[in-house]
């Protein structure tokens, strides 16, 4: 049995910055309203034609691979987490294999939205633990700006989300005291429709019917979120899954050197920080700059924290996420 260790990290965000003031020009909102509810000051949006979910994932992956010291020829598998693939099918994993010029390795797409990267990390970790693979590329990437309702009707959702990508290379680690100690995954489909994008989907109307209808008031093409309900569930599940991970490894809250929560909303992160009695140096947030980048948010934040020297060898790093599904997950890592 082995452990998996993160040997390389990278992230990429589009250069186009969209501030709250920019949004106030097209939506009935303002900086104070957005910051009070979410803590977000700005986010990144792609310029169509310049970036896609796949190309951003490739850019983040290139950085992670270079930093890992692992040759592209030694990458054994790809796990790509996203809710915004370039195509309805095939998924972006195979496009990454093509664009990076990798061997004909397997490519798996993960659809667990905000929890996607931790789910993807868990999948990669299991493959490495069993000895099946030695080096796995894990990516979380999202283009959400092109699918948002950028009107006052959709402001409760549209002001929150941004575009970006993060990546990690996981490699075999024989020292069982280091690396990914454990991952913990959960779902509760009872609340699937509380945070949902219903169309396009194959469970409702025929595509031909949708095209014929062409109803400009059809909101099923835009994300829906029951914000208060999601918030209430998030703070409970975040707490539960963090404690589950700590207890599984005989750790306590005082052992946490850095908590990196999914960057959904600064108010959720602050609630969890206060509940666990963590100081500002023990929790890393960057939702203020990038908004909620869904599956990309944890790898972006993890990479940025590492680049800033906030993670050192021997640290206990906790990743935790909650989102659509509902799904939630955590990972306990000894750096």
Protein backbone atom coordinates (compact mmCIF):
# COMPACT_ATOMS: atom_id res chain seq x y z
CA UNK A 1 0.00 0.00 0.00
CA UNK A 2 1.21 3.48 -0.87
CA UNK A 3 0.19 7.06 -0.20
CA UNK A 4 -0.21 9.71 -2.87
CA UNK A 5 1.69 12.97 -2.56
CA UNK A 6 1.08 16.25 -4.35
CA UNK A 7 4.32 16.89 -6.21
CA UNK A 8 3.23 19.77 -8.43
CA UNK A 9 0.60 22.52 -8.40
CA UNK A 10 -0.47 25.11 -10.95
CA UNK A 11 -3.34 27.43 -11.72
CA UNK A 12 -4.52 29.72 -14.48
CA UNK A 13 -7.18 32.44 -14.51
CA UNK A 14 -8.21 34.52 -17.51
CA UNK A 15 -6.68 38.01 -17.64
CA UNK A 16 -10.07 39.73 -17.98
CA UNK A 17 -11.05 41.12 -14.55
CA UNK A 18 -14.73 41.85 -13.87
CA UNK A 19 -15.28 44.03 -10.81
CA UNK A 20 -18.48 44.57 -8.87
CA UNK A 21 -18.60 48.04 -10.39
CA UNK A 22 -18.49 46.48 -13.86
CA UNK A 23 -21.46 44.27 -13.02
CA UNK A 24 -23.42 47.22 -11.65
CA UNK A 25 -23.41 48.68 -15.18
CA UNK A 26 -25.50 45.79 -16.53
CA UNK A 27 -27.23 44.45 -13.41
CA UNK A 28 -29.19 46.28 -10.71
CA UNK A 29 -26.58 45.71 -8.01
CA UNK A 30 -23.62 47.42 -6.38
CA UNK A 31 -20.33 46.66 -4.68
CA UNK A 32 -21.76 46.96 -1.16
CA UNK A 33 -24.64 44.55 -1.90
CA UNK A 34 -22.31 41.93 -3.39
CA UNK A 35 -19.59 42.18 -0.75
CA UNK A 36 -22.06 42.10 2.13
CA UNK A 37 -23.55 38.81 0.90
CA UNK A 38 -20.53 37.07 -0.60
CA UNK A 39 -17.30 38.92 0.18
CA UNK A 40 -16.49 38.95 -3.54
CA UNK A 41 -14.86 42.05 -4.98
CA UNK A 42 -13.99 40.81 -8.47
CA UNK A 43 -13.82 37.69 -10.59
CA UNK A 44 -12.31 36.58 -13.92
CA UNK A 45 -14.31 35.96 -17.08
CA UNK A 46 -12.94 34.45 -20.25
CA UNK A 47 -12.95 36.31 -23.53
CA UNK A 48 -14.84 33.89 -25.82
CA UNK A 49 -12.50 32.46 -28.40
CA UNK A 50 -9.43 32.93 -26.22
CA UNK A 51 -10.01 30.40 -23.43
CA UNK A 52 -12.15 27.33 -22.78
CA UNK A 53 -12.50 24.92 -19.88
CA UNK A 54 -10.02 22.60 -21.58
CA UNK A 55 -7.43 25.20 -22.59
CA UNK A 56 -7.40 26.68 -19.09
CA UNK A 57 -7.02 23.19 -17.64
CA UNK A 58 -4.11 22.54 -19.99
CA UNK A 59 -2.39 25.79 -18.96
CA UNK A 60 -2.74 24.95 -15.26
CA UNK A 61 -1.59 21.38 -15.91
CA UNK A 62 1.53 22.51 -17.78
CA UNK A 63 2.61 24.49 -14.71
CA UNK A 64 1.83 21.65 -12.29
CA UNK A 65 3.71 19.09 -14.39
CA UNK A 66 6.77 21.31 -14.72
CA UNK A 67 6.85 21.95 -10.98
CA UNK A 68 6.40 18.26 -10.17
CA UNK A 69 9.52 17.21 -12.03
CA UNK A 70 7.49 14.37 -13.54
CA UNK A 71 7.99 13.92 -17.27
CA UNK A 72 4.86 14.01 -19.41
CA UNK A 73 5.75 10.52 -20.57
CA UNK A 74 5.40 9.36 -16.96
CA UNK A 75 1.85 10.63 -16.43
CA UNK A 76 -0.28 7.49 -16.09
CA UNK A 77 -3.82 8.83 -15.82
CA UNK A 78 -5.95 12.00 -15.97
CA UNK A 79 -8.88 12.97 -13.76
CA UNK A 80 -10.68 16.13 -14.87
CA UNK A 81 -13.38 17.73 -12.69
CA UNK A 82 -15.79 20.24 -14.23
CA UNK A 83 -19.46 21.15 -14.64
CA UNK A 84 -18.70 23.19 -17.77
CA UNK A 85 -17.10 20.92 -20.40
CA UNK A 86 -16.29 22.34 -23.82
CA UNK A 87 -18.63 19.79 -25.39
CA UNK A 88 -21.68 17.94 -24.11
CA UNK A 89 -19.53 14.94 -25.02
CA UNK A 90 -16.73 13.93 -25.08
CA UNK A 91 -15.49 15.26 -21.77
CA UNK A 92 -12.38 17.43 -21.39
CA UNK A 93 -10.12 14.69 -20.04
CA UNK A 94 -9.40 13.29 -23.48
CA UNK A 95 -8.85 16.79 -24.87
CA UNK A 96 -6.18 17.36 -22.23
CA UNK A 97 -4.52 14.08 -23.18
CA UNK A 98 -4.45 15.28 -26.79
CA UNK A 99 -3.35 18.87 -26.13
CA UNK A 100 -0.58 17.91 -23.70
CA UNK A 101 0.69 15.23 -26.09
CA UNK A 102 0.48 12.51 -23.46
CA UNK A 103 0.56 8.79 -24.09
CA UNK A 104 -2.81 7.10 -24.64
CA UNK A 105 -3.45 7.04 -20.91
CA UNK A 106 -6.91 6.80 -19.42
CA UNK A 107 -8.90 9.99 -18.88
CA UNK A 108 -11.78 10.20 -16.42
CA UNK A 109 -14.27 13.08 -16.16
CA UNK A 110 -15.78 13.88 -12.76
CA UNK A 111 -19.11 15.71 -12.46
CA UNK A 112 -19.41 16.68 -8.83
CA UNK A 113 -19.53 20.44 -9.25
CA UNK A 114 -18.16 22.35 -6.23
CA UNK A 115 -16.90 19.12 -4.65
CA UNK A 116 -15.41 17.98 -7.94
CA UNK A 117 -11.74 18.52 -7.22
CA UNK A 118 -11.81 16.71 -3.86
CA UNK A 119 -13.74 13.85 -5.48
CA UNK A 120 -11.17 13.77 -8.31
CA UNK A 121 -8.33 13.86 -5.79
CA UNK A 122 -9.91 10.94 -3.96
CA UNK A 123 -10.18 8.89 -7.15
CA UNK A 124 -6.54 9.55 -8.01
CA UNK A 125 -5.49 8.76 -4.45
CA UNK A 126 -7.18 5.35 -4.57
CA UNK A 127 -5.51 4.45 -7.87
CA UNK A 128 -2.11 5.32 -6.45
CA UNK A 129 -2.71 3.63 -3.08
CA UNK A 130 -3.50 0.34 -4.79
CA UNK A 131 -0.37 0.56 -6.90
CA UNK A 132 -2.22 0.75 -10.21
CA UNK A 133 -0.73 4.12 -11.20
CA UNK A 134 2.30 6.12 -10.12
CA UNK A 135 1.66 9.65 -11.40
CA UNK A 136 -1.81 11.12 -11.97
CA UNK A 137 -2.79 14.53 -13.30
CA UNK A 138 -5.83 16.00 -11.50
CA UNK A 139 -7.52 19.10 -12.91
CA UNK A 140 -10.44 21.31 -11.89
CA UNK A 141 -11.48 23.87 -14.51
CA UNK A 142 -14.58 25.95 -15.16
CA UNK A 143 -15.98 28.43 -17.68
CA UNK A 144 -19.18 29.69 -16.11
CA UNK A 145 -19.41 33.28 -17.35
CA UNK A 146 -20.83 32.28 -20.73
CA UNK A 147 -23.76 30.45 -19.13
CA UNK A 148 -24.92 32.96 -16.52
CA UNK A 149 -28.05 35.11 -16.57
CA UNK A 150 -26.30 38.48 -16.66
CA UNK A 151 -29.47 40.44 -15.91
CA UNK A 152 -31.06 41.69 -12.72
CA UNK A 153 -33.23 38.55 -12.73
CA UNK A 154 -30.15 36.36 -12.29
CA UNK A 155 -28.03 38.55 -10.03
CA UNK A 156 -28.30 36.27 -7.00
CA UNK A 157 -26.23 33.70 -8.89
CA UNK A 158 -24.39 35.61 -11.59
CA UNK A 159 -22.41 37.88 -9.26
CA UNK A 160 -20.92 34.88 -7.50
CA UNK A 161 -19.25 32.82 -10.21
CA UNK A 162 -15.96 33.18 -12.07
CA UNK A 163 -13.77 31.28 -14.50
CA UNK A 164 -10.43 29.58 -13.88
CA UNK A 165 -8.47 26.34 -13.57
CA UNK A 166 -6.20 24.58 -11.12
CA UNK A 167 -4.20 21.37 -11.38
CA UNK A 168 -2.15 18.99 -9.29
CA UNK A 169 0.16 16.08 -10.00
CA UNK A 170 -0.21 13.23 -7.51
CA UNK A 171 2.69 10.81 -7.26
CA UNK A 172 3.43 7.64 -5.33
CA UNK A 173 4.77 8.20 -1.81
CA UNK A 174 6.13 5.25 0.15
CA UNK A 175 6.36 7.15 3.45
CA UNK A 176 2.89 6.47 4.86
CA UNK A 177 3.19 9.38 7.29
CA UNK A 178 3.07 11.85 4.40
CA UNK A 179 0.77 12.66 1.51
CA UNK A 180 -3.00 12.25 1.33
CA UNK A 181 -3.95 10.58 4.60
CA UNK A 182 -7.64 10.13 3.82
CA UNK A 183 -10.57 11.44 1.80
CA UNK A 184 -14.25 11.50 2.73
CA UNK A 185 -17.10 11.76 0.22
CA UNK A 186 -20.85 12.26 0.68
CA UNK A 187 -23.99 13.05 -1.28
CA UNK A 188 -27.65 13.83 -0.60
CA UNK A 189 -29.64 13.84 -3.84
CA UNK A 190 -32.81 14.76 -1.96
CA UNK A 191 -31.74 18.40 -2.44
CA UNK A 192 -30.54 18.14 -6.05
CA UNK A 193 -32.96 20.78 -7.32
CA UNK A 194 -31.90 23.40 -4.74
CA UNK A 195 -28.76 24.18 -6.77
CA UNK A 196 -29.27 23.10 -10.34
CA UNK A 197 -28.98 23.80 -14.05
CA UNK A 198 -31.81 21.84 -15.66
CA UNK A 199 -31.12 22.37 -19.35
CA UNK A 200 -29.74 21.11 -21.57
CA UNK A 201 -30.52 17.72 -20.16
CA UNK A 202 -31.84 14.43 -21.48
CA UNK A 203 -34.39 13.92 -18.72
CA UNK A 204 -36.89 16.53 -19.88
CA UNK A 205 -37.89 17.88 -23.27
CA UNK A 206 -36.49 16.72 -26.60
CA UNK A 207 -33.76 18.96 -27.99
CA UNK A 208 -35.89 19.52 -31.09
CA UNK A 209 -38.76 20.73 -28.91
CA UNK A 210 -36.48 23.14 -27.07
CA UNK A 211 -35.21 24.59 -30.35
CA UNK A 212 -38.74 24.94 -31.70
CA UNK A 213 -39.93 26.62 -28.52
CA UNK A 214 -37.06 29.12 -28.27
CA UNK A 215 -38.72 30.84 -25.32
CA UNK A 216 -36.61 33.81 -24.13
CA UNK A 217 -38.22 33.48 -20.70
CA UNK A 218 -37.16 29.86 -20.26
CA UNK A 219 -34.95 30.07 -17.16
CA UNK A 220 -34.04 26.38 -17.18
CA UNK A 221 -30.89 27.26 -19.15
CA UNK A 222 -29.57 29.33 -16.25
CA UNK A 223 -28.33 28.11 -12.87
CA UNK A 224 -30.85 28.20 -10.04
CA UNK A 225 -29.80 28.40 -6.40
CA UNK A 226 -31.88 28.50 -3.23
CA UNK A 227 -29.20 30.58 -1.53
CA UNK A 228 -30.34 30.50 2.10
CA UNK A 229 -31.06 26.77 2.00
CA UNK A 230 -27.67 26.06 0.42
CA UNK A 231 -25.91 28.22 3.03
CA UNK A 232 -27.62 26.47 5.95
CA UNK A 233 -26.72 23.03 4.62
CA UNK A 234 -23.18 24.06 3.68
CA UNK A 235 -22.13 25.20 7.14
CA UNK A 236 -23.42 21.96 8.68
CA UNK A 237 -21.84 19.63 6.12
CA UNK A 238 -18.54 21.52 6.05
CA UNK A 239 -18.23 21.08 9.80
CA UNK A 240 -19.20 17.40 9.71
CA UNK A 241 -16.84 16.37 6.93
CA UNK A 242 -13.88 18.27 8.39
CA UNK A 243 -14.37 16.57 11.74
CA UNK A 244 -14.84 13.20 10.03
CA UNK A 245 -11.46 13.57 8.36
CA UNK A 246 -9.69 14.70 11.51
CA UNK A 247 -11.14 11.91 13.64
CA UNK A 248 -10.27 9.27 11.03
CA UNK A 249 -6.63 10.29 11.44
CA UNK A 250 -6.73 10.78 15.23
CA UNK A 251 -6.30 14.53 14.81
CA UNK A 252 -8.04 17.49 16.40
CA UNK A 253 -8.87 20.98 15.21
CA UNK A 254 -5.70 22.24 16.89
CA UNK A 255 -3.68 20.08 14.47
CA UNK A 256 -4.91 22.02 11.42
CA UNK A 257 -2.12 24.14 9.96
CA UNK A 258 -4.16 25.30 6.98
CA UNK A 259 -7.80 24.85 6.01
CA UNK A 260 -8.64 25.49 2.36
CA UNK A 261 -12.40 25.47 1.93
CA UNK A 262 -14.18 25.54 -1.40
CA UNK A 263 -14.43 29.21 -2.29
CA UNK A 264 -18.21 29.43 -2.51
CA UNK A 265 -18.86 32.43 -0.33
CA UNK A 266 -16.60 34.26 2.12
CA UNK A 267 -19.42 34.29 4.68
CA UNK A 268 -19.52 30.48 4.72
CA UNK A 269 -15.74 30.30 5.20
CA UNK A 270 -15.88 32.87 8.00
CA UNK A 271 -18.66 30.95 9.73
CA UNK A 272 -16.61 27.75 9.66
CA UNK A 273 -13.48 29.57 10.79
CA UNK A 274 -15.31 31.04 13.77
CA UNK A 275 -16.98 27.73 14.66
CA UNK A 276 -13.62 25.94 14.77
CA UNK A 277 -11.80 28.81 16.47
CA UNK A 278 -9.19 29.11 13.71
CA UNK A 279 -7.15 32.26 13.20
CA UNK A 280 -6.72 34.06 9.89
CA UNK A 281 -3.41 32.31 9.21
CA UNK A 282 -5.08 28.91 9.46
CA UNK A 283 -7.69 29.52 6.74
CA UNK A 284 -6.95 30.51 3.16
CA UNK A 285 -9.53 32.43 1.14
CA UNK A 286 -9.26 34.04 -2.27
CA UNK A 287 -12.93 34.18 -3.28
CA UNK A 288 -12.58 37.95 -2.99
CA UNK A 289 -10.42 37.98 -6.14
CA UNK A 290 -11.76 35.09 -8.20
CA UNK A 291 -15.34 34.46 -7.11
CA UNK A 292 -16.66 30.92 -6.97
CA UNK A 293 -14.81 28.90 -9.61
CA UNK A 294 -16.56 25.68 -8.57
CA UNK A 295 -14.30 22.64 -9.24
CA UNK A 296 -11.36 24.96 -9.83
CA UNK A 297 -11.64 26.87 -6.56
CA UNK A 298 -9.74 24.50 -4.25
CA UNK A 299 -6.79 23.82 -6.60
CA UNK A 300 -6.49 27.55 -7.35
CA UNK A 301 -6.51 28.40 -3.65
CA UNK A 302 -4.18 25.50 -2.78
CA UNK A 303 -1.69 26.56 -5.43
CA UNK A 304 -1.81 30.22 -4.43
CA UNK A 305 -1.35 29.37 -0.74
CA UNK A 306 1.64 27.18 -1.59
CA UNK A 307 3.16 29.88 -3.81
CA UNK A 308 2.87 32.37 -0.94
CA UNK A 309 4.75 30.04 1.40
CA UNK A 310 1.73 29.37 3.60
CA UNK A 311 2.27 25.60 3.36
CA UNK A 312 5.48 23.95 4.56
CA UNK A 313 6.72 20.41 4.89
CA UNK A 314 5.00 18.55 7.72
CA UNK A 315 1.90 20.77 7.75
CA UNK A 316 -1.56 19.27 8.11
CA UNK A 317 -3.63 20.70 5.27
CA UNK A 318 -7.40 20.18 5.17
CA UNK A 319 -9.45 20.57 1.99
CA UNK A 320 -13.24 20.74 2.29
CA UNK A 321 -16.02 21.37 -0.19
CA UNK A 322 -19.81 21.49 -0.44
CA UNK A 323 -22.04 22.12 -3.42
CA UNK A 324 -24.64 21.06 -5.93
CA UNK A 325 -25.92 17.55 -5.61
CA UNK A 326 -25.80 18.08 -2.70
CA UNK A 327 -22.28 16.68 -2.45
CA UNK A 328 -19.60 17.37 0.11
CA UNK A 329 -16.10 16.07 0.72
CA UNK A 330 -12.85 16.54 2.60
CA UNK A 331 -9.22 15.50 2.27
CA UNK A 332 -6.62 15.40 5.02
CA UNK A 333 -3.07 15.89 3.73
CA UNK A 334 0.25 15.72 5.55
CA UNK A 335 2.49 17.94 3.42
